[in-house]
Protein backbone atom coordinates (compact mmCIF):
# COMPACT_ATOMS: atom_id res chain seq x y z
CA UNK A 1 4.36 2.66 11.35
CA UNK A 2 7.61 0.72 10.98
CA UNK A 3 9.24 3.45 8.91
CA UNK A 4 8.35 6.17 11.44
CA UNK A 5 9.69 3.96 14.24
CA UNK A 6 12.93 3.41 12.32
CA UNK A 7 13.43 7.14 11.82
CA UNK A 8 12.91 7.84 15.53
CA UNK A 9 14.80 4.66 16.39
CA UNK A 10 12.37 3.53 19.00
CA UNK A 11 13.44 -0.06 19.61
CA UNK A 12 10.13 -1.04 21.19
CA UNK A 13 8.08 0.54 18.36
CA UNK A 14 10.21 -1.02 15.63
CA UNK A 15 9.85 -4.37 17.35
CA UNK A 16 6.07 -4.35 17.77
CA UNK A 17 5.30 -2.65 14.44
CA UNK A 18 7.68 -4.98 12.59
CA UNK A 19 5.81 -7.91 14.06
CA UNK A 20 2.53 -6.50 12.73
CA UNK A 21 4.03 -5.81 9.30
CA UNK A 22 5.41 -9.35 9.01
CA UNK A 23 2.04 -10.76 10.06
CA UNK A 24 0.14 -8.66 7.52
CA UNK A 25 2.67 -9.05 4.68
CA UNK A 26 3.16 -12.76 5.31
CA UNK A 27 6.96 -12.55 5.11
CA UNK A 28 10.02 -10.66 6.31
CA UNK A 29 10.81 -9.24 2.85
CA UNK A 30 9.03 -5.90 3.23
CA UNK A 31 10.37 -5.45 6.74
CA UNK A 32 13.92 -6.02 5.56
CA UNK A 33 13.40 -3.58 2.67
CA UNK A 34 11.54 -0.89 4.63
CA UNK A 35 14.51 1.39 5.36
CA UNK A 36 15.52 1.34 1.68
CA UNK A 37 12.03 1.24 0.23
CA UNK A 38 12.92 3.59 -2.63
CA UNK A 39 15.36 0.98 -3.95
CA UNK A 40 12.99 -1.97 -3.54
CA UNK A 41 10.46 -3.30 -6.02
CA UNK A 42 8.42 -4.90 -3.23
CA UNK A 43 6.31 -1.82 -2.57
CA UNK A 44 3.29 -0.79 -4.64
CA UNK A 45 2.70 2.78 -5.84
CA UNK A 46 0.24 3.23 -2.99
CA UNK A 47 2.73 1.97 -0.40
CA UNK A 48 5.44 4.22 -1.86
CA UNK A 49 3.18 7.26 -1.59
CA UNK A 50 2.40 6.38 2.04
CA UNK A 51 6.05 5.80 2.90
CA UNK A 52 7.05 9.10 1.35
CA UNK A 53 4.23 10.83 3.24
CA UNK A 54 5.32 9.24 6.52
CA UNK A 55 8.87 10.45 5.95
CA UNK A 56 7.72 13.95 4.97
CA UNK A 57 5.77 14.22 8.22
CA UNK A 58 8.47 12.63 10.39
CA UNK A 59 11.71 14.21 9.20
CA UNK A 60 11.86 17.80 10.49
CA UNK A 61 13.62 19.04 7.35
CA UNK A 62 10.90 17.77 4.97
CA UNK A 63 7.47 19.06 4.00
CA UNK A 64 4.43 17.53 2.35
CA UNK A 65 4.40 18.81 -1.22
CA UNK A 66 1.36 19.44 -3.40
CA UNK A 67 2.63 16.70 -5.72
CA UNK A 68 2.80 14.18 -2.87
CA UNK A 69 -0.68 15.13 -1.68
CA UNK A 70 -2.00 14.65 -5.23
CA UNK A 71 -0.41 11.18 -5.33
CA UNK A 72 -2.08 10.28 -2.01
CA UNK A 73 -5.45 11.47 -3.30
CA UNK A 74 -5.18 8.91 -6.10
CA UNK A 75 -5.43 6.21 -3.41
CA UNK A 76 -7.29 7.82 -0.48
CA UNK A 77 -10.29 10.09 0.00
CA UNK A 78 -10.10 12.98 2.48
CA UNK A 79 -11.17 10.81 5.43
CA UNK A 80 -8.50 8.27 4.52
CA UNK A 81 -5.81 10.95 4.36
CA UNK A 82 -6.91 12.31 7.74
CA UNK A 83 -6.80 8.82 9.26
CA UNK A 84 -3.40 8.13 7.71
CA UNK A 85 -2.06 11.46 9.02
CA UNK A 86 -3.40 10.67 12.49
CA UNK A 87 -1.71 7.25 12.50
CA UNK A 88 1.61 8.75 11.42
CA UNK A 89 1.34 11.56 13.99
CA UNK A 90 0.47 9.06 16.75
CA UNK A 91 3.45 6.88 15.81
CA UNK A 92 5.72 9.93 15.89
CA UNK A 93 4.59 10.80 19.41
CA UNK A 94 4.75 7.20 20.60
CA UNK A 95 8.17 6.56 19.06
CA UNK A 96 9.70 9.74 20.46
CA UNK A 97 8.20 9.10 23.91
CA UNK A 98 9.42 5.49 24.08
CA UNK A 99 12.80 6.34 22.57
CA UNK A 100 13.41 9.13 25.10
CA UNK A 101 12.69 6.69 27.92
CA UNK A 102 14.80 3.92 26.34
CA UNK A 103 11.90 1.48 26.28
CA UNK A 104 13.54 -1.75 25.08
CA UNK A 105 12.37 -4.15 22.43
CA UNK A 106 10.28 -6.99 23.80
CA UNK A 107 11.13 -9.69 21.29
CA UNK A 108 7.98 -9.43 19.17
CA UNK A 109 10.05 -9.54 15.97
CA UNK A 110 13.61 -10.03 14.81
CA UNK A 111 15.40 -6.67 14.94
CA UNK A 112 18.52 -5.61 13.09
CA UNK A 113 21.64 -5.81 15.25
CA UNK A 114 22.95 -2.67 16.97
């Protein structure tokens, strides 16, 4: 959710989703590494597959490849992939909606400076 929010640069969505990530991860490390996840060793193979999938769905010039789908199937069954896709799609809609309306961050989490 954070990565999709970063791509769409929805300040509100980055703020609230970053807060949830920090709470679930127990530290700021993954949040700080999320934009450059490919270069970080903090993310598991499963997390890397999900991050790549989120980017493939979110960036208009990318597609979900058969290879990526096969990697996801190593970690998720069909219901899990459908749920994951729904979450990413929802975040895309939410981020674009809030970004278009300039919904500001609410101070849920520390954000990178402008």
